[in-house]
């Protein structure tokens, strides 16, 4: 964990906060190159806070940073009266409490926060500390031009936790909707952000016990986003209700 070569005080403070959240030391840059710092500390990668935001970078030059991606277009479409496949499948309503068990870059959580509004609540779980820290930072600092998108991003509360443990701690009907979007085994997108996310993300498939816990926690619906031909809907008992171009949504209702 470090900063840009000439950090402002605010960047130093955020670097310390992120380092604390990830449980790592924050190293002073001291005008060193990032590669040199990684070599000196035997690190395989680093997280850097600078004037252009915060990002992860490894020795091969692969990078990961937060970007709202299609969430910006989806929020704009919804605001104009359009439809969204997730919103349709999940049945989000203003005031709903939503638990996104697999936050990733946070696009679905942002859309959920836009629909549920100030009266609702959206909690995004991310088991990988680097992803959780960078997405949380990005949700608070990304320079979005749309006030509507800014409000939606700031409506997502990021929690670094494994959903298997988190769900067990929750009481019955703690949320209205629970979402699962496990990392696809094969990605067809060419998005560099999503490819970098795949390098850092937890690859473990959704397990039946977590589905049962989600059904207990969800008051209205549990939603799974997956490849239609993956076999996961059948394996886990979900009923497919909405198909998109490269994936589909399945639901279970308590």
C-alpha atoms as a PDB file:
ATOM      1  CA  UNK A   1       0.000   0.000   0.000  1.00  0.00           C
ATOM      2  CA  UNK A   2       1.434   3.357  -1.015  1.00  0.00           C
ATOM      3  CA  UNK A   3       0.662   6.690  -2.668  1.00  0.00           C
ATOM      4  CA  UNK A   4       1.665   8.557  -5.800  1.00  0.00           C
ATOM      5  CA  UNK A   5       5.124  10.159  -5.811  1.00  0.00           C
ATOM      6  CA  UNK A   6       3.861  13.550  -4.615  1.00  0.00           C
ATOM      7  CA  UNK A   7       0.709  12.836  -2.640  1.00  0.00           C
ATOM      8  CA  UNK A   8      -1.585  15.387  -1.113  1.00  0.00           C
ATOM      9  CA  UNK A   9      -2.474  15.045   2.542  1.00  0.00           C
ATOM     10  CA  UNK A  10      -5.909  13.688   1.680  1.00  0.00           C
ATOM     11  CA  UNK A  11      -4.294  10.922  -0.423  1.00  0.00           C
ATOM     12  CA  UNK A  12      -1.955   9.980   2.434  1.00  0.00           C
ATOM     13  CA  UNK A  13      -4.908   9.748   4.818  1.00  0.00           C
ATOM     14  CA  UNK A  14      -6.901   7.540   2.442  1.00  0.00           C
ATOM     15  CA  UNK A  15      -3.887   5.313   1.794  1.00  0.00           C
ATOM     16  CA  UNK A  16      -3.590   4.753   5.545  1.00  0.00           C
ATOM     17  CA  UNK A  17      -7.302   3.999   5.820  1.00  0.00           C
ATOM     18  CA  UNK A  18      -7.259   1.507   2.979  1.00  0.00           C
ATOM     19  CA  UNK A  19      -4.113  -0.147   4.337  1.00  0.00           C
ATOM     20  CA  UNK A  20      -5.786  -0.534   7.722  1.00  0.00           C
ATOM     21  CA  UNK A  21      -8.876  -2.003   6.110  1.00  0.00           C
ATOM     22  CA  UNK A  22      -6.806  -4.533   4.150  1.00  0.00           C
ATOM     23  CA  UNK A  23      -4.562  -5.342   7.126  1.00  0.00           C
ATOM     24  CA  UNK A  24      -1.315  -4.298   5.410  1.00  0.00           C
ATOM     25  CA  UNK A  25       1.390  -1.697   5.998  1.00  0.00           C
ATOM     26  CA  UNK A  26       1.326   1.621   4.165  1.00  0.00           C
ATOM     27  CA  UNK A  27       4.768   2.282   2.701  1.00  0.00           C
ATOM     28  CA  UNK A  28       6.011   5.840   1.975  1.00  0.00           C
ATOM     29  CA  UNK A  29       6.720   6.292  -1.747  1.00  0.00           C
ATOM     30  CA  UNK A  30       9.905   8.371  -1.313  1.00  0.00           C
ATOM     31  CA  UNK A  31      10.117   8.973  -5.063  1.00  0.00           C
ATOM     32  CA  UNK A  32      10.656   5.263  -5.750  1.00  0.00           C
ATOM     33  CA  UNK A  33       9.169   3.510  -8.763  1.00  0.00           C
ATOM     34  CA  UNK A  34       6.376   1.070  -8.031  1.00  0.00           C
ATOM     35  CA  UNK A  35       8.380  -1.853  -9.411  1.00  0.00           C
ATOM     36  CA  UNK A  36      11.315  -0.978  -7.172  1.00  0.00           C
ATOM     37  CA  UNK A  37       9.035  -0.811  -4.133  1.00  0.00           C
ATOM     38  CA  UNK A  38       7.569  -4.221  -4.913  1.00  0.00           C
ATOM     39  CA  UNK A  39      11.029  -5.709  -5.358  1.00  0.00           C
ATOM     40  CA  UNK A  40      12.276  -4.207  -2.086  1.00  0.00           C
ATOM     41  CA  UNK A  41       9.277  -5.470  -0.138  1.00  0.00           C
ATOM     42  CA  UNK A  42       8.951  -8.807  -1.992  1.00  0.00           C
ATOM     43  CA  UNK A  43       5.393  -7.816  -2.906  1.00  0.00           C
ATOM     44  CA  UNK A  44       3.637  -9.277  -5.931  1.00  0.00           C
ATOM     45  CA  UNK A  45       1.337  -6.258  -6.251  1.00  0.00           C
ATOM     46  CA  UNK A  46       0.576  -2.864  -4.736  1.00  0.00           C
ATOM     47  CA  UNK A  47      -2.399  -0.604  -4.121  1.00  0.00           C
ATOM     48  CA  UNK A  48      -1.739   3.055  -4.937  1.00  0.00           C
ATOM     49  CA  UNK A  49      -3.741   6.147  -3.980  1.00  0.00           C
ATOM     50  CA  UNK A  50      -3.105   9.188  -6.152  1.00  0.00           C
ATOM     51  CA  UNK A  51      -4.741  12.188  -7.763  1.00  0.00           C
ATOM     52  CA  UNK A  52      -6.452   9.878 -10.279  1.00  0.00           C
ATOM     53  CA  UNK A  53      -7.981   7.668  -7.591  1.00  0.00           C
ATOM     54  CA  UNK A  54      -6.916   4.334  -6.130  1.00  0.00           C
ATOM     55  CA  UNK A  55      -5.851   1.246  -8.061  1.00  0.00           C
ATOM     56  CA  UNK A  56      -4.217  -2.179  -7.714  1.00  0.00           C
ATOM     57  CA  UNK A  57      -1.219  -3.040  -9.905  1.00  0.00           C
ATOM     58  CA  UNK A  58       0.971  -6.142 -10.129  1.00  0.00           C
ATOM     59  CA  UNK A  59       4.513  -6.635 -11.414  1.00  0.00           C
ATOM     60  CA  UNK A  60       3.268  -7.487 -14.910  1.00  0.00           C
ATOM     61  CA  UNK A  61       1.420  -4.194 -15.189  1.00  0.00           C
ATOM     62  CA  UNK A  62      -2.083  -5.614 -14.742  1.00  0.00           C
ATOM     63  CA  UNK A  63      -4.310  -3.070 -13.025  1.00  0.00           C
ATOM     64  CA  UNK A  64      -7.674  -2.943 -11.291  1.00  0.00           C
ATOM     65  CA  UNK A  65      -9.675   0.109 -10.286  1.00  0.00           C
ATOM     66  CA  UNK A  66     -13.318   0.930  -9.706  1.00  0.00           C
ATOM     67  CA  UNK A  67     -15.478   2.130 -12.585  1.00  0.00           C
ATOM     68  CA  UNK A  68     -19.299   2.184 -12.668  1.00  0.00           C
ATOM     69  CA  UNK A  69     -19.230   0.646 -16.161  1.00  0.00           C
ATOM     70  CA  UNK A  70     -22.726  -0.181 -17.417  1.00  0.00           C
ATOM     71  CA  UNK A  71     -24.313   0.882 -14.125  1.00  0.00           C
ATOM     72  CA  UNK A  72     -24.230   4.484 -15.364  1.00  0.00           C
ATOM     73  CA  UNK A  73     -26.185   3.594 -18.511  1.00  0.00           C
ATOM     74  CA  UNK A  74     -28.583   1.341 -16.603  1.00  0.00           C
ATOM     75  CA  UNK A  75     -29.410   4.061 -14.063  1.00  0.00           C
ATOM     76  CA  UNK A  76     -29.912   6.577 -16.873  1.00  0.00           C
ATOM     77  CA  UNK A  77     -32.225   4.163 -18.701  1.00  0.00           C
ATOM     78  CA  UNK A  78     -34.262   3.476 -15.565  1.00  0.00           C
ATOM     79  CA  UNK A  79     -34.557   7.189 -14.809  1.00  0.00           C
ATOM     80  CA  UNK A  80     -35.956   7.688 -18.310  1.00  0.00           C
ATOM     81  CA  UNK A  81     -38.643   5.077 -17.684  1.00  0.00           C
ATOM     82  CA  UNK A  82     -36.847   2.133 -19.263  1.00  0.00           C
ATOM     83  CA  UNK A  83     -36.508  -1.411 -17.988  1.00  0.00           C
ATOM     84  CA  UNK A  84     -33.598  -3.355 -16.483  1.00  0.00           C
ATOM     85  CA  UNK A  85     -33.316  -7.148 -16.449  1.00  0.00           C
ATOM     86  CA  UNK A  86     -32.133  -7.337 -12.834  1.00  0.00           C
ATOM     87  CA  UNK A  87     -34.772  -4.932 -11.569  1.00  0.00           C
ATOM     88  CA  UNK A  88     -37.457  -6.970 -13.327  1.00  0.00           C
ATOM     89  CA  UNK A  89     -36.166 -10.292 -11.981  1.00  0.00           C
ATOM     90  CA  UNK A  90     -35.617  -9.044  -8.436  1.00  0.00           C
ATOM     91  CA  UNK A  91     -38.785  -6.969  -8.232  1.00  0.00           C
ATOM     92  CA  UNK A  92     -37.019  -4.103  -6.452  1.00  0.00           C
ATOM     93  CA  UNK A  93     -39.282  -1.491  -4.875  1.00  0.00           C
ATOM     94  CA  UNK A  94     -38.522   1.851  -3.198  1.00  0.00           C
ATOM     95  CA  UNK A  95     -37.650   1.229   0.437  1.00  0.00           C
ATOM     96  CA  UNK A  96     -36.440  -2.360  -0.075  1.00  0.00           C
ATOM     97  CA  UNK A  97     -33.444  -3.696   1.820  1.00  0.00           C
ATOM     98  CA  UNK A  98     -31.092  -5.498  -0.576  1.00  0.00           C
ATOM     99  CA  UNK A  99     -28.123  -7.743   0.196  1.00  0.00           C
ATOM    100  CA  UNK A 100     -25.707  -8.214  -2.713  1.00  0.00           C
ATOM    101  CA  UNK A 101     -23.638 -11.221  -1.666  1.00  0.00           C
ATOM    102  CA  UNK A 102     -21.101 -10.919  -4.503  1.00  0.00           C
ATOM    103  CA  UNK A 103     -20.388  -7.218  -4.922  1.00  0.00           C
ATOM    104  CA  UNK A 104     -17.549  -7.257  -7.469  1.00  0.00           C
ATOM    105  CA  UNK A 105     -17.429  -3.869  -9.214  1.00  0.00           C
ATOM    106  CA  UNK A 106     -20.779  -2.998  -7.667  1.00  0.00           C
ATOM    107  CA  UNK A 107     -22.843  -2.386 -10.824  1.00  0.00           C
ATOM    108  CA  UNK A 108     -25.889  -4.352  -9.653  1.00  0.00           C
ATOM    109  CA  UNK A 109     -25.703  -2.831  -6.176  1.00  0.00           C
ATOM    110  CA  UNK A 110     -25.635   0.666  -7.709  1.00  0.00           C
ATOM    111  CA  UNK A 111     -28.729  -0.104  -9.777  1.00  0.00           C
ATOM    112  CA  UNK A 112     -30.448  -1.543  -6.700  1.00  0.00           C
ATOM    113  CA  UNK A 113     -29.599   1.582  -4.686  1.00  0.00           C
ATOM    114  CA  UNK A 114     -31.065   3.787  -7.419  1.00  0.00           C
ATOM    115  CA  UNK A 115     -34.371   1.905  -7.375  1.00  0.00           C
ATOM    116  CA  UNK A 116     -34.707   1.413  -3.622  1.00  0.00           C
ATOM    117  CA  UNK A 117     -33.843   5.070  -2.978  1.00  0.00           C
ATOM    118  CA  UNK A 118     -33.078   6.891   0.232  1.00  0.00           C
ATOM    119  CA  UNK A 119     -35.707   4.915   2.119  1.00  0.00           C
ATOM    120  CA  UNK A 120     -34.033   1.641   1.165  1.00  0.00           C
ATOM    121  CA  UNK A 121     -30.733   0.042   2.045  1.00  0.00           C
ATOM    122  CA  UNK A 122     -28.179  -1.783  -0.104  1.00  0.00           C
ATOM    123  CA  UNK A 123     -25.372  -3.793   1.493  1.00  0.00           C
ATOM    124  CA  UNK A 124     -22.672  -5.220  -0.773  1.00  0.00           C
ATOM    125  CA  UNK A 125     -20.551  -8.123   0.487  1.00  0.00           C
ATOM    126  CA  UNK A 126     -17.082  -8.675  -0.958  1.00  0.00           C
ATOM    127  CA  UNK A 127     -14.847 -11.412   0.436  1.00  0.00           C
ATOM    128  CA  UNK A 128     -11.624 -10.144  -1.153  1.00  0.00           C
ATOM    129  CA  UNK A 129     -10.135  -7.238   0.866  1.00  0.00           C
ATOM    130  CA  UNK A 130      -8.454  -5.518  -2.107  1.00  0.00           C
ATOM    131  CA  UNK A 131     -11.661  -5.461  -4.147  1.00  0.00           C
ATOM    132  CA  UNK A 132     -13.750  -4.362  -1.161  1.00  0.00           C
ATOM    133  CA  UNK A 133     -11.385  -1.501  -0.332  1.00  0.00           C
ATOM    134  CA  UNK A 134     -11.019  -0.202  -3.889  1.00  0.00           C
ATOM    135  CA  UNK A 135     -14.714  -0.440  -4.743  1.00  0.00           C
ATOM    136  CA  UNK A 136     -15.669   1.279  -1.487  1.00  0.00           C
ATOM    137  CA  UNK A 137     -13.181   4.065  -2.268  1.00  0.00           C
ATOM    138  CA  UNK A 138     -14.448   4.326  -5.837  1.00  0.00           C
ATOM    139  CA  UNK A 139     -18.092   4.514  -4.812  1.00  0.00           C
ATOM    140  CA  UNK A 140     -17.240   7.534  -2.644  1.00  0.00           C
ATOM    141  CA  UNK A 141     -14.771   9.279  -4.974  1.00  0.00           C
ATOM    142  CA  UNK A 142     -15.524   8.428  -8.601  1.00  0.00           C
ATOM    143  CA  UNK A 143     -16.082  11.739 -10.473  1.00  0.00           C
ATOM    144  CA  UNK A 144     -19.478  10.932 -11.972  1.00  0.00           C
ATOM    145  CA  UNK A 145     -21.125  13.789 -13.856  1.00  0.00           C
ATOM    146  CA  UNK A 146     -24.651  12.621 -12.994  1.00  0.00           C
ATOM    147  CA  UNK A 147     -25.936  13.574  -9.507  1.00  0.00           C
ATOM    148  CA  UNK A 148     -28.351  10.655  -9.817  1.00  0.00           C
ATOM    149  CA  UNK A 149     -25.473   8.209 -10.301  1.00  0.00           C
ATOM    150  CA  UNK A 150     -23.486   9.774  -7.448  1.00  0.00           C
ATOM    151  CA  UNK A 151     -26.464   9.356  -5.118  1.00  0.00           C
ATOM    152  CA  UNK A 152     -26.859   5.707  -6.164  1.00  0.00           C
ATOM    153  CA  UNK A 153     -23.156   4.945  -5.665  1.00  0.00           C
ATOM    154  CA  UNK A 154     -23.155   6.531  -2.237  1.00  0.00           C
ATOM    155  CA  UNK A 155     -26.222   4.479  -1.344  1.00  0.00           C
ATOM    156  CA  UNK A 156     -24.195   1.254  -1.359  1.00  0.00           C
ATOM    157  CA  UNK A 157     -22.598   0.142   1.913  1.00  0.00           C
ATOM    158  CA  UNK A 158     -19.599  -2.137   1.340  1.00  0.00           C
ATOM    159  CA  UNK A 159     -18.821  -4.892   3.851  1.00  0.00           C
ATOM    160  CA  UNK A 160     -15.714  -7.057   3.499  1.00  0.00           C
ATOM    161  CA  UNK A 161     -17.138 -10.463   4.389  1.00  0.00           C
ATOM    162  CA  UNK A 162     -17.694 -13.958   3.052  1.00  0.00           C
ATOM    163  CA  UNK A 163     -21.405 -14.333   2.351  1.00  0.00           C
ATOM    164  CA  UNK A 164     -21.398 -17.874   3.738  1.00  0.00           C
ATOM    165  CA  UNK A 165     -20.520 -16.550   7.186  1.00  0.00           C
ATOM    166  CA  UNK A 166     -22.483 -13.307   6.906  1.00  0.00           C
ATOM    167  CA  UNK A 167     -25.752 -15.029   5.989  1.00  0.00           C
ATOM    168  CA  UNK A 168     -25.512 -17.362   8.975  1.00  0.00           C
ATOM    169  CA  UNK A 169     -25.293 -14.361  11.299  1.00  0.00           C
ATOM    170  CA  UNK A 170     -28.370 -12.651   9.874  1.00  0.00           C
ATOM    171  CA  UNK A 171     -31.840 -13.067  11.349  1.00  0.00           C
ATOM    172  CA  UNK A 172     -34.870 -14.288   9.431  1.00  0.00           C
ATOM    173  CA  UNK A 173     -36.284 -11.755   6.930  1.00  0.00           C
ATOM    174  CA  UNK A 174     -33.357  -9.369   7.514  1.00  0.00           C
ATOM    175  CA  UNK A 175     -33.488  -8.233   3.868  1.00  0.00           C
ATOM    176  CA  UNK A 176     -36.155  -8.081   1.185  1.00  0.00           C
ATOM    177  CA  UNK A 177     -33.989  -9.364  -1.673  1.00  0.00           C
ATOM    178  CA  UNK A 178     -30.705 -11.320  -1.668  1.00  0.00           C
ATOM    179  CA  UNK A 179     -28.557 -11.312  -4.818  1.00  0.00           C
ATOM    180  CA  UNK A 180     -25.911 -13.772  -6.021  1.00  0.00           C
ATOM    181  CA  UNK A 181     -23.712 -13.112  -9.046  1.00  0.00           C
ATOM    182  CA  UNK A 182     -20.813 -15.601  -8.783  1.00  0.00           C
ATOM    183  CA  UNK A 183     -17.790 -15.084 -11.005  1.00  0.00           C
ATOM    184  CA  UNK A 184     -18.468 -16.759 -14.345  1.00  0.00           C
ATOM    185  CA  UNK A 185     -16.069 -19.612 -15.177  1.00  0.00           C
ATOM    186  CA  UNK A 186     -15.772 -18.189 -18.695  1.00  0.00           C
ATOM    187  CA  UNK A 187     -15.965 -14.466 -19.343  1.00  0.00           C
ATOM    188  CA  UNK A 188     -17.016 -13.307 -22.784  1.00  0.00           C
ATOM    189  CA  UNK A 189     -16.590  -9.609 -22.081  1.00  0.00           C
ATOM    190  CA  UNK A 190     -13.443  -7.844 -23.208  1.00  0.00           C
ATOM    191  CA  UNK A 191     -13.661  -5.252 -20.440  1.00  0.00           C
ATOM    192  CA  UNK A 192     -10.199  -4.802 -18.929  1.00  0.00           C
ATOM    193  CA  UNK A 193     -11.765  -3.969 -15.550  1.00  0.00           C
ATOM    194  CA  UNK A 194     -13.714  -7.232 -15.476  1.00  0.00           C
ATOM    195  CA  UNK A 195     -10.706  -9.245 -16.611  1.00  0.00           C
ATOM    196  CA  UNK A 196      -8.630  -7.733 -13.788  1.00  0.00           C
ATOM    197  CA  UNK A 197     -11.498  -8.378 -11.371  1.00  0.00           C
ATOM    198  CA  UNK A 198     -11.429 -12.056 -12.333  1.00  0.00           C
ATOM    199  CA  UNK A 199      -7.757 -12.213 -11.301  1.00  0.00           C
ATOM    200  CA  UNK A 200      -8.613 -10.959  -7.808  1.00  0.00           C
ATOM    201  CA  UNK A 201     -12.095 -12.389  -7.249  1.00  0.00           C
ATOM    202  CA  UNK A 202     -13.134 -15.418  -5.242  1.00  0.00           C
ATOM    203  CA  UNK A 203     -13.743 -18.218  -7.807  1.00  0.00           C
ATOM    204  CA  UNK A 204     -15.726 -20.558  -5.536  1.00  0.00           C
ATOM    205  CA  UNK A 205     -19.187 -21.537  -6.847  1.00  0.00           C
ATOM    206  CA  UNK A 206     -22.381 -20.882  -4.944  1.00  0.00           C
ATOM    207  CA  UNK A 207     -23.225 -23.715  -2.542  1.00  0.00           C
ATOM    208  CA  UNK A 208     -26.675 -25.101  -1.636  1.00  0.00           C
ATOM    209  CA  UNK A 209     -26.283 -24.295   2.071  1.00  0.00           C
ATOM    210  CA  UNK A 210     -25.794 -20.595   1.304  1.00  0.00           C
ATOM    211  CA  UNK A 211     -28.894 -20.673  -0.889  1.00  0.00           C
ATOM    212  CA  UNK A 212     -30.891 -22.126   2.011  1.00  0.00           C
ATOM    213  CA  UNK A 213     -29.575 -19.430   4.344  1.00  0.00           C
ATOM    214  CA  UNK A 214     -30.426 -16.754   1.777  1.00  0.00           C
ATOM    215  CA  UNK A 215     -34.002 -18.042   1.592  1.00  0.00           C
ATOM    216  CA  UNK A 216     -34.245 -17.661   5.351  1.00  0.00           C
ATOM    217  CA  UNK A 217     -32.774 -14.140   5.266  1.00  0.00           C
ATOM    218  CA  UNK A 218     -34.775 -12.875   2.259  1.00  0.00           C
ATOM    219  CA  UNK A 219     -38.334 -11.723   2.877  1.00  0.00           C
ATOM    220  CA  UNK A 220     -39.297 -11.549  -0.809  1.00  0.00           C
ATOM    221  CA  UNK A 221     -36.849 -13.191  -3.184  1.00  0.00           C
ATOM    222  CA  UNK A 222     -33.384 -14.685  -3.800  1.00  0.00           C
ATOM    223  CA  UNK A 223     -31.916 -13.921  -7.233  1.00  0.00           C
ATOM    224  CA  UNK A 224     -29.092 -15.721  -9.082  1.00  0.00           C
ATOM    225  CA  UNK A 225     -27.345 -14.308 -12.161  1.00  0.00           C
ATOM    226  CA  UNK A 226     -25.578 -16.981 -14.225  1.00  0.00           C
ATOM    227  CA  UNK A 227     -24.916 -18.307 -17.696  1.00  0.00           C
ATOM    228  CA  UNK A 228     -28.108 -19.922 -18.946  1.00  0.00           C
ATOM    229  CA  UNK A 229     -26.343 -23.141 -20.000  1.00  0.00           C
ATOM    230  CA  UNK A 230     -24.050 -23.349 -16.971  1.00  0.00           C
ATOM    231  CA  UNK A 231     -26.246 -25.901 -15.174  1.00  0.00           C
ATOM    232  CA  UNK A 232     -26.184 -23.775 -11.991  1.00  0.00           C
ATOM    233  CA  UNK A 233     -29.885 -22.925 -12.072  1.00  0.00           C
ATOM    234  CA  UNK A 234     -30.789 -26.603 -12.172  1.00  0.00           C
ATOM    235  CA  UNK A 235     -28.163 -27.608  -9.605  1.00  0.00           C
ATOM    236  CA  UNK A 236     -29.344 -25.031  -7.084  1.00  0.00           C
ATOM    237  CA  UNK A 237     -33.077 -25.181  -7.808  1.00  0.00           C
ATOM    238  CA  UNK A 238     -33.613 -21.697  -9.261  1.00  0.00           C
ATOM    239  CA  UNK A 239     -36.434 -20.924 -11.690  1.00  0.00           C
ATOM    240  CA  UNK A 240     -35.240 -18.879 -14.672  1.00  0.00           C
ATOM    241  CA  UNK A 241     -37.430 -15.788 -15.098  1.00  0.00           C
ATOM    242  CA  UNK A 242     -35.397 -13.443 -17.275  1.00  0.00           C
ATOM    243  CA  UNK A 243     -32.854 -13.991 -20.038  1.00  0.00           C
ATOM    244  CA  UNK A 244     -30.329 -11.430 -21.296  1.00  0.00           C
ATOM    245  CA  UNK A 245     -27.747 -11.630 -24.079  1.00  0.00           C
ATOM    246  CA  UNK A 246     -25.011 -13.566 -22.249  1.00  0.00           C
ATOM    247  CA  UNK A 247     -26.684 -14.559 -18.981  1.00  0.00           C
ATOM    248  CA  UNK A 248     -29.984 -15.164 -17.247  1.00  0.00           C
ATOM    249  CA  UNK A 249     -31.673 -14.541 -13.895  1.00  0.00           C
ATOM    250  CA  UNK A 250     -33.215 -17.231 -11.720  1.00  0.00           C
ATOM    251  CA  UNK A 251     -35.283 -16.746  -8.592  1.00  0.00           C
ATOM    252  CA  UNK A 252     -36.351 -18.553  -5.460  1.00  0.00           C
ATOM    253  CA  UNK A 253     -39.084 -17.280  -3.168  1.00  0.00           C
ATOM    254  CA  UNK A 254     -39.451 -18.146   0.536  1.00  0.00           C
END
